[in-house]
C-alpha atoms as a PDB file:
ATOM      1  CA  UNK A   1      38.819  32.576 -29.904  1.00  0.00           C
ATOM      2  CA  UNK A   2      41.839  30.450 -30.506  1.00  0.00           C
ATOM      3  CA  UNK A   3      42.559  27.929 -27.812  1.00  0.00           C
ATOM      4  CA  UNK A   4      45.527  26.180 -26.573  1.00  0.00           C
ATOM      5  CA  UNK A   5      45.248  22.108 -26.886  1.00  0.00           C
ATOM      6  CA  UNK A   6      46.760  20.519 -23.432  1.00  0.00           C
ATOM      7  CA  UNK A   7      47.414  16.993 -22.600  1.00  0.00           C
ATOM      8  CA  UNK A   8      47.710  15.031 -19.585  1.00  0.00           C
ATOM      9  CA  UNK A   9      47.536  11.244 -18.279  1.00  0.00           C
ATOM     10  CA  UNK A  10      44.408   9.900 -16.991  1.00  0.00           C
ATOM     11  CA  UNK A  11      43.477   6.306 -16.322  1.00  0.00           C
ATOM     12  CA  UNK A  12      46.487   5.474 -18.310  1.00  0.00           C
ATOM     13  CA  UNK A  13      45.275   7.162 -21.506  1.00  0.00           C
ATOM     14  CA  UNK A  14      46.284  10.827 -22.947  1.00  0.00           C
ATOM     15  CA  UNK A  15      43.637  13.091 -22.505  1.00  0.00           C
ATOM     16  CA  UNK A  16      43.300  16.525 -24.453  1.00  0.00           C
ATOM     17  CA  UNK A  17      41.605  19.415 -23.384  1.00  0.00           C
ATOM     18  CA  UNK A  18      41.289  23.236 -24.381  1.00  0.00           C
ATOM     19  CA  UNK A  19      42.818  26.128 -22.547  1.00  0.00           C
ATOM     20  CA  UNK A  20      42.511  29.629 -23.022  1.00  0.00           C
ATOM     21  CA  UNK A  21      42.939  33.040 -21.022  1.00  0.00           C
ATOM     22  CA  UNK A  22      44.948  33.869 -18.053  1.00  0.00           C
ATOM     23  CA  UNK A  23      44.170  33.951 -14.087  1.00  0.00           C
ATOM     24  CA  UNK A  24      42.914  31.395 -11.877  1.00  0.00           C
ATOM     25  CA  UNK A  25      41.465  28.560 -13.349  1.00  0.00           C
ATOM     26  CA  UNK A  26      37.857  27.962 -14.434  1.00  0.00           C
ATOM     27  CA  UNK A  27      36.667  24.603 -15.540  1.00  0.00           C
ATOM     28  CA  UNK A  28      33.772  24.603 -18.066  1.00  0.00           C
ATOM     29  CA  UNK A  29      31.626  21.165 -18.631  1.00  0.00           C
ATOM     30  CA  UNK A  30      29.387  20.972 -21.033  1.00  0.00           C
ATOM     31  CA  UNK A  31      25.623  19.064 -21.402  1.00  0.00           C
ATOM     32  CA  UNK A  32      24.273  16.018 -23.169  1.00  0.00           C
ATOM     33  CA  UNK A  33      25.254  15.300 -26.741  1.00  0.00           C
ATOM     34  CA  UNK A  34      27.719  18.441 -26.466  1.00  0.00           C
ATOM     35  CA  UNK A  35      31.255  19.513 -26.386  1.00  0.00           C
ATOM     36  CA  UNK A  36      33.561  22.113 -25.206  1.00  0.00           C
ATOM     37  CA  UNK A  37      32.445  24.083 -28.433  1.00  0.00           C
ATOM     38  CA  UNK A  38      28.934  25.078 -26.797  1.00  0.00           C
ATOM     39  CA  UNK A  39      31.072  27.547 -24.495  1.00  0.00           C
ATOM     40  CA  UNK A  40      32.728  29.579 -27.693  1.00  0.00           C
ATOM     41  CA  UNK A  41      30.321  32.439 -27.576  1.00  0.00           C
ATOM     42  CA  UNK A  42      31.286  33.401 -23.850  1.00  0.00           C
ATOM     43  CA  UNK A  43      34.998  32.552 -23.980  1.00  0.00           C
ATOM     44  CA  UNK A  44      36.172  36.029 -25.030  1.00  0.00           C
ATOM     45  CA  UNK A  45      34.540  37.622 -21.838  1.00  0.00           C
ATOM     46  CA  UNK A  46      35.393  34.690 -19.377  1.00  0.00           C
ATOM     47  CA  UNK A  47      39.035  34.248 -20.764  1.00  0.00           C
ATOM     48  CA  UNK A  48      39.907  37.892 -20.079  1.00  0.00           C
ATOM     49  CA  UNK A  49      40.086  36.957 -16.383  1.00  0.00           C
ATOM     50  CA  UNK A  50      40.476  33.348 -15.758  1.00  0.00           C
ATOM     51  CA  UNK A  51      42.265  30.678 -17.317  1.00  0.00           C
ATOM     52  CA  UNK A  52      39.594  28.739 -18.811  1.00  0.00           C
ATOM     53  CA  UNK A  53      39.611  25.024 -19.126  1.00  0.00           C
ATOM     54  CA  UNK A  54      37.243  23.413 -21.755  1.00  0.00           C
ATOM     55  CA  UNK A  55      36.801  19.681 -20.879  1.00  0.00           C
ATOM     56  CA  UNK A  56      34.938  17.083 -22.916  1.00  0.00           C
ATOM     57  CA  UNK A  57      33.158  14.403 -20.983  1.00  0.00           C
ATOM     58  CA  UNK A  58      33.972  10.885 -21.726  1.00  0.00           C
ATOM     59  CA  UNK A  59      32.497   9.577 -24.920  1.00  0.00           C
ATOM     60  CA  UNK A  60      31.548  12.864 -26.191  1.00  0.00           C
ATOM     61  CA  UNK A  61      33.220  15.944 -28.326  1.00  0.00           C
ATOM     62  CA  UNK A  62      35.323  13.651 -30.535  1.00  0.00           C
ATOM     63  CA  UNK A  63      34.799  10.562 -33.222  1.00  0.00           C
ATOM     64  CA  UNK A  64      31.962   8.312 -31.468  1.00  0.00           C
ATOM     65  CA  UNK A  65      33.061   4.932 -30.234  1.00  0.00           C
ATOM     66  CA  UNK A  66      30.828   2.371 -28.718  1.00  0.00           C
ATOM     67  CA  UNK A  67      30.790   3.476 -25.125  1.00  0.00           C
ATOM     68  CA  UNK A  68      28.395   3.363 -22.529  1.00  0.00           C
ATOM     69  CA  UNK A  69      28.087   6.821 -20.509  1.00  0.00           C
ATOM     70  CA  UNK A  70      28.731   5.854 -16.327  1.00  0.00           C
ATOM     71  CA  UNK A  71      27.365   9.277 -14.499  1.00  0.00           C
ATOM     72  CA  UNK A  72      29.163   8.556 -11.343  1.00  0.00           C
ATOM     73  CA  UNK A  73      32.405   7.322 -13.261  1.00  0.00           C
ATOM     74  CA  UNK A  74      32.500  10.521 -15.173  1.00  0.00           C
ATOM     75  CA  UNK A  75      32.625  12.354 -11.745  1.00  0.00           C
ATOM     76  CA  UNK A  76      35.398  10.481 -10.415  1.00  0.00           C
ATOM     77  CA  UNK A  77      37.046  10.962 -14.110  1.00  0.00           C
ATOM     78  CA  UNK A  78      36.700  14.721 -13.726  1.00  0.00           C
ATOM     79  CA  UNK A  79      38.309  14.425 -10.319  1.00  0.00           C
ATOM     80  CA  UNK A  80      41.358  12.362 -11.409  1.00  0.00           C
ATOM     81  CA  UNK A  81      41.692  15.202 -14.459  1.00  0.00           C
ATOM     82  CA  UNK A  82      41.999  18.106 -12.084  1.00  0.00           C
ATOM     83  CA  UNK A  83      44.795  16.276 -10.094  1.00  0.00           C
ATOM     84  CA  UNK A  84      46.586  15.127 -13.473  1.00  0.00           C
ATOM     85  CA  UNK A  85      46.307  18.807 -14.782  1.00  0.00           C
ATOM     86  CA  UNK A  86      47.082  20.544 -11.729  1.00  0.00           C
ATOM     87  CA  UNK A  87      43.875  22.838 -11.817  1.00  0.00           C
ATOM     88  CA  UNK A  88      42.373  22.299  -8.388  1.00  0.00           C
ATOM     89  CA  UNK A  89      41.175  23.982  -6.343  1.00  0.00           C
ATOM     90  CA  UNK A  90      39.057  25.625  -9.250  1.00  0.00           C
ATOM     91  CA  UNK A  91      35.750  27.323 -10.070  1.00  0.00           C
ATOM     92  CA  UNK A  92      33.496  25.012 -11.976  1.00  0.00           C
ATOM     93  CA  UNK A  93      30.394  25.615 -14.427  1.00  0.00           C
ATOM     94  CA  UNK A  94      28.365  22.812 -15.775  1.00  0.00           C
ATOM     95  CA  UNK A  95      25.549  22.829 -18.136  1.00  0.00           C
ATOM     96  CA  UNK A  96      22.490  20.249 -17.989  1.00  0.00           C
ATOM     97  CA  UNK A  97      24.241  17.151 -17.747  1.00  0.00           C
ATOM     98  CA  UNK A  98      27.455  18.770 -16.975  1.00  0.00           C
ATOM     99  CA  UNK A  99      25.774  20.489 -14.122  1.00  0.00           C
ATOM    100  CA  UNK A 100      24.724  17.258 -12.571  1.00  0.00           C
ATOM    101  CA  UNK A 101      28.589  15.860 -13.139  1.00  0.00           C
ATOM    102  CA  UNK A 102      29.670  19.117 -11.300  1.00  0.00           C
ATOM    103  CA  UNK A 103      27.156  19.168  -8.586  1.00  0.00           C
ATOM    104  CA  UNK A 104      28.420  15.446  -7.494  1.00  0.00           C
ATOM    105  CA  UNK A 105      32.018  16.612  -7.953  1.00  0.00           C
ATOM    106  CA  UNK A 106      31.526  19.588  -5.611  1.00  0.00           C
ATOM    107  CA  UNK A 107      29.475  17.295  -2.991  1.00  0.00           C
ATOM    108  CA  UNK A 108      31.875  14.358  -2.963  1.00  0.00           C
ATOM    109  CA  UNK A 109      35.179  16.358  -3.681  1.00  0.00           C
ATOM    110  CA  UNK A 110      34.910  19.447  -1.974  1.00  0.00           C
ATOM    111  CA  UNK A 111      38.416  20.304  -2.103  1.00  0.00           C
ATOM    112  CA  UNK A 112      38.481  20.670  -5.869  1.00  0.00           C
ATOM    113  CA  UNK A 113      35.533  23.115  -6.276  1.00  0.00           C
ATOM    114  CA  UNK A 114      35.826  26.594  -4.887  1.00  0.00           C
ATOM    115  CA  UNK A 115      32.927  28.185  -6.388  1.00  0.00           C
ATOM    116  CA  UNK A 116      30.273  26.376  -8.433  1.00  0.00           C
ATOM    117  CA  UNK A 117      27.855  27.302 -11.031  1.00  0.00           C
ATOM    118  CA  UNK A 118      25.007  25.074 -12.201  1.00  0.00           C
ATOM    119  CA  UNK A 119      23.360  26.110 -15.695  1.00  0.00           C
ATOM    120  CA  UNK A 120      20.068  24.413 -16.324  1.00  0.00           C
ATOM    121  CA  UNK A 121      21.374  21.680 -14.177  1.00  0.00           C
ATOM    122  CA  UNK A 122      19.682  18.475 -14.765  1.00  0.00           C
ATOM    123  CA  UNK A 123      18.925  15.804 -12.075  1.00  0.00           C
ATOM    124  CA  UNK A 124      15.810  17.691  -9.908  1.00  0.00           C
ATOM    125  CA  UNK A 125      12.716  15.326 -10.476  1.00  0.00           C
ATOM    126  CA  UNK A 126       9.093  16.595 -10.291  1.00  0.00           C
ATOM    127  CA  UNK A 127       9.102  17.873 -14.006  1.00  0.00           C
ATOM    128  CA  UNK A 128       7.196  15.805 -16.533  1.00  0.00           C
ATOM    129  CA  UNK A 129       9.486  15.554 -19.571  1.00  0.00           C
ATOM    130  CA  UNK A 130       6.968  13.843 -21.846  1.00  0.00           C
ATOM    131  CA  UNK A 131       5.649  16.901 -23.199  1.00  0.00           C
ATOM    132  CA  UNK A 132       9.009  18.854 -23.373  1.00  0.00           C
ATOM    133  CA  UNK A 133      10.085  17.515 -26.815  1.00  0.00           C
ATOM    134  CA  UNK A 134       8.304  19.753 -29.128  1.00  0.00           C
ATOM    135  CA  UNK A 135       9.134  22.894 -27.132  1.00  0.00           C
ATOM    136  CA  UNK A 136      12.497  22.076 -26.825  1.00  0.00           C
ATOM    137  CA  UNK A 137      12.795  21.602 -30.459  1.00  0.00           C
ATOM    138  CA  UNK A 138      10.957  25.037 -31.315  1.00  0.00           C
ATOM    139  CA  UNK A 139      13.494  26.977 -28.721  1.00  0.00           C
ATOM    140  CA  UNK A 140      16.537  25.056 -30.499  1.00  0.00           C
ATOM    141  CA  UNK A 141      15.261  25.875 -34.000  1.00  0.00           C
ATOM    142  CA  UNK A 142      14.911  29.568 -32.999  1.00  0.00           C
ATOM    143  CA  UNK A 143      18.818  29.551 -32.030  1.00  0.00           C
ATOM    144  CA  UNK A 144      21.387  30.786 -34.575  1.00  0.00           C
ATOM    145  CA  UNK A 145      22.038  28.659 -37.620  1.00  0.00           C
ATOM    146  CA  UNK A 146      25.664  28.052 -36.598  1.00  0.00           C
ATOM    147  CA  UNK A 147      24.814  26.519 -33.279  1.00  0.00           C
ATOM    148  CA  UNK A 148      22.150  24.196 -34.882  1.00  0.00           C
ATOM    149  CA  UNK A 149      24.855  22.717 -37.191  1.00  0.00           C
ATOM    150  CA  UNK A 150      27.220  22.365 -34.053  1.00  0.00           C
ATOM    151  CA  UNK A 151      24.689  20.764 -32.485  1.00  0.00           C
ATOM    152  CA  UNK A 152      24.225  18.098 -35.138  1.00  0.00           C
ATOM    153  CA  UNK A 153      27.842  17.459 -35.335  1.00  0.00           C
ATOM    154  CA  UNK A 154      28.272  17.108 -31.741  1.00  0.00           C
ATOM    155  CA  UNK A 155      25.582  14.791 -31.600  1.00  0.00           C
ATOM    156  CA  UNK A 156      26.971  12.580 -34.275  1.00  0.00           C
ATOM    157  CA  UNK A 157      30.324  12.854 -32.647  1.00  0.00           C
ATOM    158  CA  UNK A 158      28.635  11.395 -29.338  1.00  0.00           C
ATOM    159  CA  UNK A 159      27.287   8.402 -30.905  1.00  0.00           C
ATOM    160  CA  UNK A 160      23.637   6.676 -30.094  1.00  0.00           C
ATOM    161  CA  UNK A 161      25.116   4.695 -27.473  1.00  0.00           C
ATOM    162  CA  UNK A 162      27.022   7.186 -25.382  1.00  0.00           C
ATOM    163  CA  UNK A 163      24.129   9.697 -26.005  1.00  0.00           C
ATOM    164  CA  UNK A 164      21.176   7.228 -25.013  1.00  0.00           C
ATOM    165  CA  UNK A 165      22.869   5.750 -21.925  1.00  0.00           C
ATOM    166  CA  UNK A 166      23.694   9.241 -20.862  1.00  0.00           C
ATOM    167  CA  UNK A 167      20.079  10.570 -21.433  1.00  0.00           C
ATOM    168  CA  UNK A 168      18.880   7.468 -19.308  1.00  0.00           C
ATOM    169  CA  UNK A 169      21.363   8.380 -16.680  1.00  0.00           C
ATOM    170  CA  UNK A 170      19.943  11.842 -16.534  1.00  0.00           C
ATOM    171  CA  UNK A 171      16.282  10.392 -16.254  1.00  0.00           C
ATOM    172  CA  UNK A 172      17.267   8.170 -13.223  1.00  0.00           C
ATOM    173  CA  UNK A 173      19.427  10.872 -11.272  1.00  0.00           C
ATOM    174  CA  UNK A 174      18.114  12.629  -8.348  1.00  0.00           C
ATOM    175  CA  UNK A 175      20.955  15.345  -7.742  1.00  0.00           C
ATOM    176  CA  UNK A 176      19.041  16.889  -4.449  1.00  0.00           C
ATOM    177  CA  UNK A 177      20.880  14.749  -2.007  1.00  0.00           C
ATOM    178  CA  UNK A 178      24.296  15.841  -3.596  1.00  0.00           C
ATOM    179  CA  UNK A 179      23.155  19.490  -3.603  1.00  0.00           C
ATOM    180  CA  UNK A 180      22.471  19.296   0.004  1.00  0.00           C
ATOM    181  CA  UNK A 181      26.192  18.417   0.647  1.00  0.00           C
ATOM    182  CA  UNK A 182      27.508  21.019  -1.557  1.00  0.00           C
ATOM    183  CA  UNK A 183      29.357  23.527   0.648  1.00  0.00           C
ATOM    184  CA  UNK A 184      31.042  25.457  -2.080  1.00  0.00           C
ATOM    185  CA  UNK A 185      29.402  29.198  -2.923  1.00  0.00           C
ATOM    186  CA  UNK A 186      26.882  28.329  -5.867  1.00  0.00           C
ATOM    187  CA  UNK A 187      25.118  30.021  -8.428  1.00  0.00           C
ATOM    188  CA  UNK A 188      22.228  28.545 -10.530  1.00  0.00           C
ATOM    189  CA  UNK A 189      21.341  30.098 -13.810  1.00  0.00           C
ATOM    190  CA  UNK A 190      18.197  29.104 -15.258  1.00  0.00           C
ATOM    191  CA  UNK A 191      16.593  30.293 -18.700  1.00  0.00           C
ATOM    192  CA  UNK A 192      13.003  31.729 -18.322  1.00  0.00           C
ATOM    193  CA  UNK A 193      11.853  29.545 -21.319  1.00  0.00           C
ATOM    194  CA  UNK A 194      13.584  26.251 -20.784  1.00  0.00           C
ATOM    195  CA  UNK A 195      11.229  23.275 -21.205  1.00  0.00           C
ATOM    196  CA  UNK A 196      13.714  20.991 -19.690  1.00  0.00           C
ATOM    197  CA  UNK A 197      14.733  22.539 -16.666  1.00  0.00           C
ATOM    198  CA  UNK A 198      11.961  24.961 -15.767  1.00  0.00           C
ATOM    199  CA  UNK A 199      12.234  28.228 -13.643  1.00  0.00           C
ATOM    200  CA  UNK A 200       9.933  26.162 -11.104  1.00  0.00           C
ATOM    201  CA  UNK A 201      13.082  23.910 -10.475  1.00  0.00           C
ATOM    202  CA  UNK A 202      14.669  27.196  -8.870  1.00  0.00           C
ATOM    203  CA  UNK A 203      12.586  26.712  -5.945  1.00  0.00           C
ATOM    204  CA  UNK A 204      13.447  23.204  -5.094  1.00  0.00           C
ATOM    205  CA  UNK A 205      17.219  23.541  -5.494  1.00  0.00           C
ATOM    206  CA  UNK A 206      16.959  26.463  -3.454  1.00  0.00           C
ATOM    207  CA  UNK A 207      14.955  24.503  -0.523  1.00  0.00           C
ATOM    208  CA  UNK A 208      17.882  21.773  -0.530  1.00  0.00           C
ATOM    209  CA  UNK A 209      20.839  24.441  -1.073  1.00  0.00           C
ATOM    210  CA  UNK A 210      19.684  27.556   0.712  1.00  0.00           C
ATOM    211  CA  UNK A 211      23.015  29.547   0.091  1.00  0.00           C
ATOM    212  CA  UNK A 212      22.639  28.795  -3.538  1.00  0.00           C
ATOM    213  CA  UNK A 213      22.083  32.214  -5.527  1.00  0.00           C
ATOM    214  CA  UNK A 214      19.543  32.206  -8.688  1.00  0.00           C
ATOM    215  CA  UNK A 215      19.725  34.131 -11.796  1.00  0.00           C
ATOM    216  CA  UNK A 216      16.904  33.763 -14.389  1.00  0.00           C
ATOM    217  CA  UNK A 217      18.106  34.782 -17.839  1.00  0.00           C
ATOM    218  CA  UNK A 218      15.619  35.526 -20.893  1.00  0.00           C
ATOM    219  CA  UNK A 219      16.999  32.575 -22.457  1.00  0.00           C
ATOM    220  CA  UNK A 220      15.899  28.505 -23.145  1.00  0.00           C
ATOM    221  CA  UNK A 221      17.824  25.747 -22.343  1.00  0.00           C
ATOM    222  CA  UNK A 222      21.519  27.162 -23.603  1.00  0.00           C
ATOM    223  CA  UNK A 223      21.548  30.546 -21.944  1.00  0.00           C
ATOM    224  CA  UNK A 224      25.222  30.742 -22.634  1.00  0.00           C
ATOM    225  CA  UNK A 225      24.836  30.500 -26.494  1.00  0.00           C
ATOM    226  CA  UNK A 226      21.290  32.658 -26.498  1.00  0.00           C
ATOM    227  CA  UNK A 227      22.443  35.226 -24.061  1.00  0.00           C
ATOM    228  CA  UNK A 228      26.155  35.247 -24.064  1.00  0.00           C
ATOM    229  CA  UNK A 229      26.631  38.778 -22.652  1.00  0.00           C
ATOM    230  CA  UNK A 230      24.205  38.368 -19.730  1.00  0.00           C
ATOM    231  CA  UNK A 231      25.394  34.889 -19.050  1.00  0.00           C
ATOM    232  CA  UNK A 232      29.091  36.171 -18.770  1.00  0.00           C
ATOM    233  CA  UNK A 233      28.405  39.037 -16.555  1.00  0.00           C
ATOM    234  CA  UNK A 234      26.461  36.997 -14.015  1.00  0.00           C
ATOM    235  CA  UNK A 235      28.983  34.330 -13.877  1.00  0.00           C
ATOM    236  CA  UNK A 236      32.085  36.627 -13.635  1.00  0.00           C
ATOM    237  CA  UNK A 237      30.265  38.959 -11.121  1.00  0.00           C
ATOM    238  CA  UNK A 238      29.820  35.904  -8.970  1.00  0.00           C
ATOM    239  CA  UNK A 239      32.929  34.480  -9.173  1.00  0.00           C
ATOM    240  CA  UNK A 240      34.396  37.639  -8.034  1.00  0.00           C
ATOM    241  CA  UNK A 241      32.399  37.645  -5.006  1.00  0.00           C
ATOM    242  CA  UNK A 242      29.974  40.202  -5.971  1.00  0.00           C
END
């Protein structure tokens, strides 16, 4: 789906992002070693009803540079971007690392986030990740070949320094205090077969964020790629207040 390239000045630099569709603003934030391209499968459905803004986090999505990832800095950077791009208040969707960033954005800048969707959000402790590498590899290999090629390209674009520092930030993070401070209506989307963010995490999220709605899809860690139609239906219904 053809997107429009937009620009704004953030921190004295020209920032580029993608935009498509018409309607009230919807911001999509990718996960670790990802980019805006991970949302392509759901863009046709989402853009029918919303102006979709596709944002690459600092250090991701383009040719790599030697740049350490700063989690809290990324949260504040997204907040400054919403001001520069004049999109706030907006509905915000974050996947994995992006879910952690968006949860903190909603907690610390409630005036920005109207409705919040967390997709396999990182930062909920309690799950041992040491045995997740092999199941994750198996689930990724089961995805369509085009996405595997995209995953490899985006990992190369991110570069080792950004990817490793972001992974360490995720492992050290605990998003529960941020979730407890979120006042925006929240939808949590988990994959039934996700080895990184298991369904059991939904119970802990509901404990600290009782008003959150929880949806489980027949997917792994990337439900918007694995089940784009079901994902779009759930997200659009939630954003419409149904």
